[in-house]
Amino acid sequence: MALFALLFVWQFPHFLAIGWIYRDEYQAAGLKMLPSFVDGGHRTALVALVYAVVFVPISLLPTHIGMTGPLSLSAGLVLSSAYLAATLGFVLKRTAA
């Protein structure tokens, strides 16, 4: 269940960012994507941020329920915080980089 939760919450910021990066190509191909382009991607970035914030405690769940040890806890905290920081960058400046 913990792995499912990790993958489920991780996928939203990931795919919203991909949709944003390739928005011109998707529009040129006539494909409708979930990221909203009407408001300059502001709503898309905020949705990604909500999921990234939720991802931080979920990444610590395997250690909390006894599946992993302190190394996993440390890695989960560092990596999920980096993921959150990258998402914050997307909120502040929606570019491909």
N, C-alpha and C. Protein backbone atom coordinates (compact mmCIF):
# COMPACT_ATOMS: atom_id res chain seq x y z
N MET A 1 0.82 -1.19 0.00
CA MET A 1 0.00 0.00 0.00
C MET A 1 0.87 1.26 0.00
N ALA A 2 1.99 1.21 0.73
CA ALA A 2 2.87 2.38 0.79
C ALA A 2 3.47 2.68 -0.58
N LEU A 3 3.88 1.63 -1.31
CA LEU A 3 4.44 1.84 -2.65
C LEU A 3 3.38 2.41 -3.59
N PHE A 4 2.16 1.90 -3.51
CA PHE A 4 1.08 2.43 -4.33
C PHE A 4 0.87 3.92 -4.04
N ALA A 5 0.85 4.28 -2.77
CA ALA A 5 0.65 5.69 -2.40
C ALA A 5 1.77 6.57 -2.94
N LEU A 6 3.01 6.08 -2.83
CA LEU A 6 4.15 6.84 -3.35
C LEU A 6 4.01 7.09 -4.85
N LEU A 7 3.74 6.02 -5.59
CA LEU A 7 3.64 6.15 -7.04
C LEU A 7 2.43 6.97 -7.46
N PHE A 8 1.33 6.80 -6.76
CA PHE A 8 0.12 7.54 -7.10
C PHE A 8 0.33 9.04 -6.94
N VAL A 9 0.88 9.45 -5.82
CA VAL A 9 1.06 10.89 -5.55
C VAL A 9 2.19 11.47 -6.38
N TRP A 10 3.23 10.69 -6.65
CA TRP A 10 4.37 11.16 -7.44
C TRP A 10 3.98 11.49 -8.88
N GLN A 11 3.06 10.71 -9.45
CA GLN A 11 2.79 10.83 -10.87
C GLN A 11 2.17 12.17 -11.27
N PHE A 12 1.41 12.80 -10.42
CA PHE A 12 0.71 14.02 -10.82
C PHE A 12 1.65 15.19 -11.11
N PRO A 13 2.53 15.58 -10.20
CA PRO A 13 3.46 16.66 -10.55
C PRO A 13 4.34 16.29 -11.73
N HIS A 14 4.73 15.02 -11.80
CA HIS A 14 5.60 14.55 -12.88
C HIS A 14 4.94 14.75 -14.24
N PHE A 15 3.74 14.24 -14.41
CA PHE A 15 3.07 14.31 -15.70
C PHE A 15 2.52 15.71 -16.00
N LEU A 16 2.16 16.47 -15.00
CA LEU A 16 1.75 17.85 -15.25
C LEU A 16 2.92 18.66 -15.77
N ALA A 17 4.11 18.43 -15.22
CA ALA A 17 5.30 19.14 -15.70
C ALA A 17 5.64 18.73 -17.13
N ILE A 18 5.55 17.44 -17.44
CA ILE A 18 5.80 16.98 -18.81
C ILE A 18 4.78 17.60 -19.76
N GLY A 19 3.52 17.61 -19.36
CA GLY A 19 2.49 18.23 -20.19
C GLY A 19 2.75 19.70 -20.42
N TRP A 20 3.27 20.38 -19.41
CA TRP A 20 3.58 21.80 -19.55
C TRP A 20 4.77 22.01 -20.48
N ILE A 21 5.82 21.21 -20.32
CA ILE A 21 7.02 21.36 -21.15
C ILE A 21 6.69 21.16 -22.63
N TYR A 22 5.88 20.17 -22.93
CA TYR A 22 5.57 19.83 -24.32
C TYR A 22 4.20 20.34 -24.76
N ARG A 23 3.69 21.36 -24.12
CA ARG A 23 2.35 21.87 -24.42
C ARG A 23 2.20 22.31 -25.87
N ASP A 24 3.22 22.94 -26.44
CA ASP A 24 3.12 23.39 -27.83
C ASP A 24 3.01 22.21 -28.79
N GLU A 25 3.80 21.16 -28.55
CA GLU A 25 3.75 19.98 -29.40
C GLU A 25 2.40 19.27 -29.29
N TYR A 26 1.88 19.18 -28.06
CA TYR A 26 0.58 18.54 -27.87
C TYR A 26 -0.53 19.34 -28.57
N GLN A 27 -0.48 20.66 -28.45
CA GLN A 27 -1.49 21.50 -29.10
C GLN A 27 -1.38 21.40 -30.62
N ALA A 28 -0.15 21.38 -31.14
CA ALA A 28 0.05 21.26 -32.59
C ALA A 28 -0.50 19.94 -33.12
N ALA A 29 -0.43 18.90 -32.30
CA ALA A 29 -0.94 17.59 -32.71
C ALA A 29 -2.44 17.47 -32.47
N GLY A 30 -3.05 18.49 -31.85
CA GLY A 30 -4.47 18.46 -31.58
C GLY A 30 -4.86 17.63 -30.37
N LEU A 31 -3.89 17.34 -29.50
CA LEU A 31 -4.16 16.55 -28.31
C LEU A 31 -4.53 17.45 -27.14
N LYS A 32 -5.53 17.04 -26.41
CA LYS A 32 -5.94 17.78 -25.21
C LYS A 32 -5.19 17.19 -24.01
N MET A 33 -4.57 18.06 -23.26
CA MET A 33 -3.82 17.62 -22.08
C MET A 33 -4.42 18.24 -20.84
N LEU A 34 -4.17 17.61 -19.70
CA LEU A 34 -4.71 18.09 -18.44
C LEU A 34 -4.18 19.46 -18.02
N PRO A 35 -2.90 19.78 -18.21
CA PRO A 35 -2.44 21.11 -17.78
C PRO A 35 -3.25 22.23 -18.43
N SER A 36 -3.65 23.17 -17.61
CA SER A 36 -4.43 24.31 -18.10
C SER A 36 -3.49 25.38 -18.63
N PHE A 37 -3.70 25.78 -19.88
CA PHE A 37 -2.85 26.79 -20.49
C PHE A 37 -3.49 28.17 -20.47
N VAL A 38 -4.76 28.24 -20.09
CA VAL A 38 -5.50 29.49 -20.14
C VAL A 38 -4.91 30.55 -19.21
N ASP A 39 -4.53 30.14 -18.01
CA ASP A 39 -4.04 31.10 -17.02
C ASP A 39 -2.52 31.14 -16.94
N GLY A 40 -1.85 30.73 -18.01
CA GLY A 40 -0.39 30.71 -18.00
C GLY A 40 0.17 29.55 -17.20
N GLY A 41 -0.64 28.57 -16.90
CA GLY A 41 -0.20 27.40 -16.17
C GLY A 41 -0.21 27.55 -14.67
N HIS A 42 -0.77 28.65 -14.16
CA HIS A 42 -0.76 28.88 -12.72
C HIS A 42 -1.53 27.79 -11.98
N ARG A 43 -2.70 27.45 -12.44
CA ARG A 43 -3.51 26.42 -11.79
C ARG A 43 -2.81 25.06 -11.87
N THR A 44 -2.22 24.77 -13.00
CA THR A 44 -1.48 23.52 -13.17
C THR A 44 -0.35 23.42 -12.16
N ALA A 45 0.39 24.50 -11.99
CA ALA A 45 1.51 24.52 -11.04
C ALA A 45 1.02 24.35 -9.61
N LEU A 46 -0.11 24.96 -9.28
CA LEU A 46 -0.64 24.82 -7.92
C LEU A 46 -1.11 23.39 -7.63
N VAL A 47 -1.72 22.75 -8.61
CA VAL A 47 -2.14 21.35 -8.43
C VAL A 47 -0.90 20.48 -8.22
N ALA A 48 0.13 20.72 -9.01
CA ALA A 48 1.38 19.97 -8.85
C ALA A 48 1.97 20.20 -7.46
N LEU A 49 1.88 21.42 -6.97
CA LEU A 49 2.42 21.74 -5.65
C LEU A 49 1.68 21.00 -4.54
N VAL A 50 0.37 20.92 -4.65
CA VAL A 50 -0.42 20.20 -3.63
C VAL A 50 0.04 18.74 -3.55
N TYR A 51 0.17 18.10 -4.70
CA TYR A 51 0.60 16.70 -4.70
C TYR A 51 2.04 16.56 -4.21
N ALA A 52 2.91 17.50 -4.53
CA ALA A 52 4.30 17.43 -4.06
C ALA A 52 4.38 17.60 -2.55
N VAL A 53 3.54 18.44 -1.99
CA VAL A 53 3.50 18.61 -0.53
C VAL A 53 3.02 17.31 0.13
N VAL A 54 2.01 16.70 -0.43
CA VAL A 54 1.49 15.43 0.10
C VAL A 54 2.53 14.31 -0.03
N PHE A 55 3.37 14.41 -1.06
CA PHE A 55 4.39 13.39 -1.31
C PHE A 55 5.42 13.30 -0.18
N VAL A 56 5.73 14.41 0.46
CA VAL A 56 6.76 14.41 1.51
C VAL A 56 6.40 13.45 2.66
N PRO A 57 5.25 13.58 3.31
CA PRO A 57 4.96 12.62 4.39
C PRO A 57 4.74 11.19 3.89
N ILE A 58 4.21 11.05 2.68
CA ILE A 58 4.00 9.70 2.16
C ILE A 58 5.33 9.00 1.91
N SER A 59 6.36 9.76 1.54
CA SER A 59 7.68 9.15 1.32
C SER A 59 8.28 8.62 2.62
N LEU A 60 7.80 9.10 3.74
CA LEU A 60 8.28 8.64 5.04
C LEU A 60 7.45 7.47 5.59
N LEU A 61 6.35 7.17 4.94
CA LEU A 61 5.43 6.13 5.39
C LEU A 61 6.07 4.74 5.51
N PRO A 62 6.88 4.29 4.54
CA PRO A 62 7.47 2.95 4.69
C PRO A 62 8.27 2.78 5.98
N THR A 63 8.99 3.81 6.40
CA THR A 63 9.74 3.71 7.65
C THR A 63 8.79 3.74 8.84
N HIS A 64 7.77 4.55 8.77
CA HIS A 64 6.81 4.67 9.87
C HIS A 64 6.10 3.34 10.16
N ILE A 65 5.81 2.59 9.11
CA ILE A 65 5.10 1.32 9.32
C ILE A 65 6.06 0.14 9.48
N GLY A 66 7.37 0.42 9.55
CA GLY A 66 8.35 -0.62 9.84
C GLY A 66 8.88 -1.39 8.65
N MET A 67 8.61 -0.94 7.44
CA MET A 67 9.10 -1.65 6.26
C MET A 67 10.57 -1.36 5.99
N THR A 68 11.04 -0.18 6.35
CA THR A 68 12.41 0.23 6.05
C THR A 68 13.04 0.84 7.30
N GLY A 69 14.32 1.15 7.18
CA GLY A 69 15.05 1.68 8.33
C GLY A 69 15.40 3.15 8.20
N PRO A 70 16.35 3.59 9.02
CA PRO A 70 16.71 5.01 9.06
C PRO A 70 17.32 5.54 7.76
N LEU A 71 18.04 4.69 7.03
CA LEU A 71 18.61 5.13 5.76
C LEU A 71 17.51 5.50 4.77
N SER A 72 16.48 4.68 4.71
CA SER A 72 15.34 4.98 3.84
C SER A 72 14.62 6.24 4.30
N LEU A 73 14.51 6.42 5.59
CA LEU A 73 13.88 7.64 6.12
C LEU A 73 14.65 8.87 5.68
N SER A 74 15.98 8.81 5.82
CA SER A 74 16.81 9.95 5.41
C SER A 74 16.71 10.20 3.91
N ALA A 75 16.80 9.13 3.12
CA ALA A 75 16.71 9.27 1.67
C ALA A 75 15.34 9.81 1.27
N GLY A 76 14.29 9.30 1.89
CA GLY A 76 12.94 9.77 1.58
C GLY A 76 12.76 11.24 1.89
N LEU A 77 13.30 11.66 3.01
CA LEU A 77 13.17 13.07 3.39
C LEU A 77 13.95 13.97 2.45
N VAL A 78 15.18 13.60 2.13
CA VAL A 78 16.01 14.42 1.24
C VAL A 78 15.43 14.46 -0.16
N LEU A 79 15.09 13.30 -0.71
CA LEU A 79 14.60 13.25 -2.09
C LEU A 79 13.21 13.88 -2.25
N SER A 80 12.33 13.65 -1.30
CA SER A 80 11.00 14.26 -1.42
C SER A 80 11.08 15.77 -1.23
N SER A 81 12.01 16.22 -0.40
CA SER A 81 12.21 17.67 -0.24
C SER A 81 12.76 18.29 -1.52
N ALA A 82 13.67 17.57 -2.19
CA ALA A 82 14.19 18.06 -3.47
C ALA A 82 13.08 18.10 -4.52
N TYR A 83 12.21 17.10 -4.50
CA TYR A 83 11.07 17.06 -5.42
C TYR A 83 10.13 18.24 -5.16
N LEU A 84 9.90 18.52 -3.89
CA LEU A 84 9.07 19.66 -3.50
C LEU A 84 9.72 20.97 -3.95
N ALA A 85 11.03 21.09 -3.79
CA ALA A 85 11.74 22.30 -4.21
C ALA A 85 11.65 22.49 -5.72
N ALA A 86 11.77 21.41 -6.48
CA ALA A 86 11.65 21.51 -7.94
C ALA A 86 10.23 21.94 -8.32
N THR A 87 9.24 21.42 -7.62
CA THR A 87 7.86 21.81 -7.89
C THR A 87 7.62 23.27 -7.53
N LEU A 88 8.21 23.72 -6.45
CA LEU A 88 8.12 25.15 -6.10
C LEU A 88 8.73 26.01 -7.20
N GLY A 89 9.83 25.55 -7.77
CA GLY A 89 10.43 26.25 -8.91
C GLY A 89 9.48 26.33 -10.08
N PHE A 90 8.73 25.26 -10.31
CA PHE A 90 7.73 25.23 -11.38
C PHE A 90 6.61 26.23 -11.09
N VAL A 91 6.22 26.35 -9.82
CA VAL A 91 5.17 27.31 -9.44
C VAL A 91 5.64 28.74 -9.69
N LEU A 92 6.87 29.02 -9.31
CA LEU A 92 7.39 30.39 -9.41
C LEU A 92 7.77 30.78 -10.83
N LYS A 93 8.26 29.84 -11.60
CA LYS A 93 8.72 30.14 -12.96
C LYS A 93 8.46 28.92 -13.83
N ARG A 94 7.40 28.97 -14.60
CA ARG A 94 7.00 27.84 -15.41
C ARG A 94 7.77 27.83 -16.73
N THR A 95 8.96 27.22 -16.69
CA THR A 95 9.78 27.07 -17.89
C THR A 95 10.11 25.60 -18.06
N ALA A 96 10.73 25.27 -19.18
CA ALA A 96 11.10 23.89 -19.46
C ALA A 96 12.32 23.45 -18.67
N ALA A 97 13.07 24.39 -18.11
CA ALA A 97 14.32 24.01 -17.41
C ALA A 97 14.06 23.69 -15.97
